């Protein structure tokens, strides 16, 4: 039996490296819970022909959150886009969508969603953290540093915020000392 989950790789094994550490968690569940589901468990939730799934926006949201907690962010994002269409002002839907996009490695879209969330809730440390993490993945280090610093200033006791900020600052410092650009990939 193979497992998928927030801290389980595609082969069904829990990685001991730092990859799982950087998966974004909601503010209420930052720690990995190592839960897994079998590959077949998620197949019946998404209608593959493109039609609307059954249920209400509320049902879709809860299904999407289950997908997200099970480590299936692409399916979660599909449902959350539909929920977002029917509930365009909901910041909790926007936060969940941004997390799903980040976990699905769609960093540009995640940065847009986290940016919209930070604009809607400027005092939300998690919105700034998610935006900073997304910008980091897009190699926009100065902007990432600014948002991670904002998140860390709002919640200095959060080790993930401090660690991410330290790593982005180290990258900026190393690139600056080497005369490399502070944004984008390094040309060789």
Protein backbone atom coordinates (compact mmCIF):
# COMPACT_ATOMS: atom_id res chain seq x y z
CA UNK A 1 0.00 0.00 0.00
CA UNK A 2 1.37 3.40 -0.99
CA UNK A 3 0.66 6.50 1.04
CA UNK A 4 0.42 10.16 0.21
CA UNK A 5 0.36 12.90 2.75
CA UNK A 6 1.96 16.16 3.72
CA UNK A 7 5.21 14.46 4.70
CA UNK A 8 5.19 11.44 2.40
CA UNK A 9 6.91 11.40 -1.00
CA UNK A 10 5.59 9.83 -4.22
CA UNK A 11 7.11 6.44 -3.40
CA UNK A 12 5.12 6.29 -0.16
CA UNK A 13 8.11 6.90 2.11
CA UNK A 14 8.42 9.72 4.61
CA UNK A 15 11.41 11.81 3.61
CA UNK A 16 13.83 12.66 6.37
CA UNK A 17 15.21 15.66 4.51
CA UNK A 18 13.96 19.22 4.72
CA UNK A 19 11.56 19.07 1.75
CA UNK A 20 8.48 18.35 3.86
CA UNK A 21 9.48 21.11 6.28
CA UNK A 22 8.81 23.82 3.70
CA UNK A 23 5.29 22.72 2.81
CA UNK A 24 3.03 25.55 3.91
CA UNK A 25 0.72 24.80 6.79
CA UNK A 26 -2.22 26.77 8.00
CA UNK A 27 -1.54 28.83 11.11
CA UNK A 28 -3.50 26.27 13.08
CA UNK A 29 -1.56 23.20 11.91
CA UNK A 30 2.05 24.07 11.19
CA UNK A 31 3.49 20.76 12.35
CA UNK A 32 3.43 17.71 10.11
CA UNK A 33 1.01 15.06 11.34
CA UNK A 34 2.36 12.26 9.08
CA UNK A 35 -1.12 11.13 8.10
CA UNK A 36 -1.40 9.33 4.80
CA UNK A 37 -4.15 8.05 2.55
CA UNK A 38 -4.16 5.37 -0.07
CA UNK A 39 -3.94 6.45 -3.69
CA UNK A 40 -7.54 5.38 -4.36
CA UNK A 41 -9.07 7.47 -1.56
CA UNK A 42 -9.12 10.75 -3.48
CA UNK A 43 -10.24 9.56 -6.91
CA UNK A 44 -13.98 9.71 -6.25
CA UNK A 45 -14.02 13.31 -4.99
CA UNK A 46 -13.23 15.18 -8.23
CA UNK A 47 -15.37 14.95 -11.31
CA UNK A 48 -12.82 14.43 -14.08
CA UNK A 49 -15.02 15.56 -16.98
CA UNK A 50 -14.84 19.22 -15.93
CA UNK A 51 -18.44 19.50 -14.74
CA UNK A 52 -19.14 21.02 -11.34
CA UNK A 53 -18.67 18.54 -8.51
CA UNK A 54 -21.73 17.65 -6.49
CA UNK A 55 -22.62 19.62 -3.39
CA UNK A 56 -22.46 23.25 -2.35
CA UNK A 57 -19.53 25.65 -2.09
CA UNK A 58 -19.37 24.72 1.60
CA UNK A 59 -19.02 21.02 0.67
CA UNK A 60 -16.37 21.83 -1.94
CA UNK A 61 -14.40 23.84 0.62
CA UNK A 62 -14.38 20.98 3.11
CA UNK A 63 -13.42 18.47 0.41
CA UNK A 64 -10.63 20.79 -0.71
CA UNK A 65 -9.33 21.11 2.85
CA UNK A 66 -9.31 17.31 3.11
CA UNK A 67 -7.35 17.09 -0.14
CA UNK A 68 -4.91 19.67 1.16
CA UNK A 69 -4.36 17.85 4.45
CA UNK A 70 -3.97 14.54 2.57
CA UNK A 71 -1.20 16.00 0.40
CA UNK A 72 -3.18 16.45 -2.82
CA UNK A 73 -2.90 20.21 -3.42
CA UNK A 74 -3.75 20.08 -7.14
CA UNK A 75 -7.18 18.59 -6.45
CA UNK A 76 -7.66 21.04 -3.58
CA UNK A 77 -6.82 23.97 -5.87
CA UNK A 78 -9.36 22.81 -8.48
CA UNK A 79 -12.14 22.81 -5.91
CA UNK A 80 -10.97 26.03 -4.27
CA UNK A 81 -11.03 27.88 -7.61
CA UNK A 82 -14.71 26.90 -7.86
CA UNK A 83 -15.37 27.97 -4.27
CA UNK A 84 -13.57 31.26 -4.94
CA UNK A 85 -15.84 31.89 -7.94
CA UNK A 86 -18.93 31.48 -5.76
CA UNK A 87 -17.47 33.23 -2.66
CA UNK A 88 -15.13 35.91 -4.10
CA UNK A 89 -14.85 37.94 -0.86
CA UNK A 90 -13.93 35.07 1.47
CA UNK A 91 -10.38 35.48 2.78
CA UNK A 92 -10.38 31.99 4.30
CA UNK A 93 -11.02 30.54 0.83
CA UNK A 94 -8.28 32.76 -0.58
CA UNK A 95 -5.82 31.58 2.09
CA UNK A 96 -6.63 27.93 1.41
CA UNK A 97 -6.29 28.50 -2.34
CA UNK A 98 -2.92 30.21 -1.88
CA UNK A 99 -1.68 27.32 0.29
CA UNK A 100 -2.87 24.76 -2.27
CA UNK A 101 -1.16 26.62 -5.12
CA UNK A 102 2.09 26.87 -3.15
CA UNK A 103 2.02 23.18 -2.22
CA UNK A 104 1.31 22.32 -5.88
CA UNK A 105 4.44 24.30 -6.86
CA UNK A 106 2.48 27.00 -8.71
CA UNK A 107 4.53 29.74 -7.07
CA UNK A 108 3.53 32.60 -9.37
CA UNK A 109 -0.18 32.00 -8.77
CA UNK A 110 0.48 31.43 -5.07
CA UNK A 111 2.31 34.76 -4.85
CA UNK A 112 -0.66 36.49 -6.51
CA UNK A 113 -3.12 34.86 -4.10
CA UNK A 114 -0.99 35.54 -1.01
CA UNK A 115 -0.47 39.11 -2.25
CA UNK A 116 -4.21 39.60 -2.54
CA UNK A 117 -4.61 38.11 0.94
CA UNK A 118 -1.92 40.42 2.41
CA UNK A 119 -3.69 43.37 0.80
CA UNK A 120 -7.05 42.31 2.23
CA UNK A 121 -5.59 41.53 5.67
CA UNK A 122 -2.39 43.60 6.08
CA UNK A 123 -1.96 42.54 9.72
CA UNK A 124 -2.07 38.82 8.86
CA UNK A 125 1.41 37.41 9.51
CA UNK A 126 0.64 34.20 7.63
CA UNK A 127 -0.30 36.10 4.46
CA UNK A 128 3.09 37.84 4.51
CA UNK A 129 4.86 34.56 5.28
CA UNK A 130 3.16 32.79 2.38
CA UNK A 131 3.89 35.67 0.03
CA UNK A 132 7.53 35.73 1.15
CA UNK A 133 7.90 31.98 0.67
CA UNK A 134 6.33 32.18 -2.80
CA UNK A 135 8.59 35.06 -3.82
CA UNK A 136 11.58 33.13 -2.48
CA UNK A 137 10.72 30.22 -4.78
CA UNK A 138 10.41 32.70 -7.66
CA UNK A 139 13.92 33.95 -6.80
CA UNK A 140 12.71 37.44 -5.97
CA UNK A 141 14.87 37.58 -2.87
CA UNK A 142 14.60 41.28 -1.82
CA UNK A 143 10.79 41.19 -1.98
CA UNK A 144 10.76 37.82 -0.23
CA UNK A 145 12.98 39.22 2.52
CA UNK A 146 10.63 42.16 3.06
CA UNK A 147 7.52 40.01 3.48
CA UNK A 148 9.28 37.40 5.60
CA UNK A 149 10.65 40.19 7.81
CA UNK A 150 7.11 41.56 8.19
CA UNK A 151 5.78 38.13 9.17
CA UNK A 152 8.65 37.61 11.62
CA UNK A 153 8.10 41.06 13.16
CA UNK A 154 4.44 40.18 13.71
CA UNK A 155 5.16 36.75 15.17
CA UNK A 156 8.80 36.51 16.32
CA UNK A 157 8.23 33.30 18.27
CA UNK A 158 7.53 31.34 15.05
CA UNK A 159 10.72 29.44 14.20
CA UNK A 160 9.67 28.81 10.59
CA UNK A 161 9.40 32.55 9.98
CA UNK A 162 12.84 33.22 11.47
CA UNK A 163 14.49 30.35 9.64
CA UNK A 164 13.08 31.36 6.24
CA UNK A 165 14.06 34.99 6.79
CA UNK A 166 17.62 34.00 7.78
CA UNK A 167 18.02 31.85 4.68
CA UNK A 168 16.77 34.55 2.32
CA UNK A 169 19.05 37.11 3.97
CA UNK A 170 21.99 34.72 3.59
CA UNK A 171 21.19 34.26 -0.11
CA UNK A 172 21.03 38.02 -0.64
CA UNK A 173 24.31 38.51 1.24
CA UNK A 174 26.09 35.76 -0.73
CA UNK A 175 24.83 37.05 -4.08
CA UNK A 176 25.75 40.60 -3.18
CA UNK A 177 29.29 39.65 -2.11
CA UNK A 178 29.77 37.63 -5.31
CA UNK A 179 28.50 40.48 -7.48
CA UNK A 180 25.54 38.39 -8.67
CA UNK A 181 22.04 39.69 -9.38
CA UNK A 182 19.72 39.72 -6.38
CA UNK A 183 16.81 38.36 -8.42
CA UNK A 184 16.42 35.48 -10.82
CA UNK A 185 18.63 32.55 -11.71
CA UNK A 186 22.38 32.83 -11.88
CA UNK A 187 23.76 32.81 -15.43
CA UNK A 188 26.84 30.68 -15.95
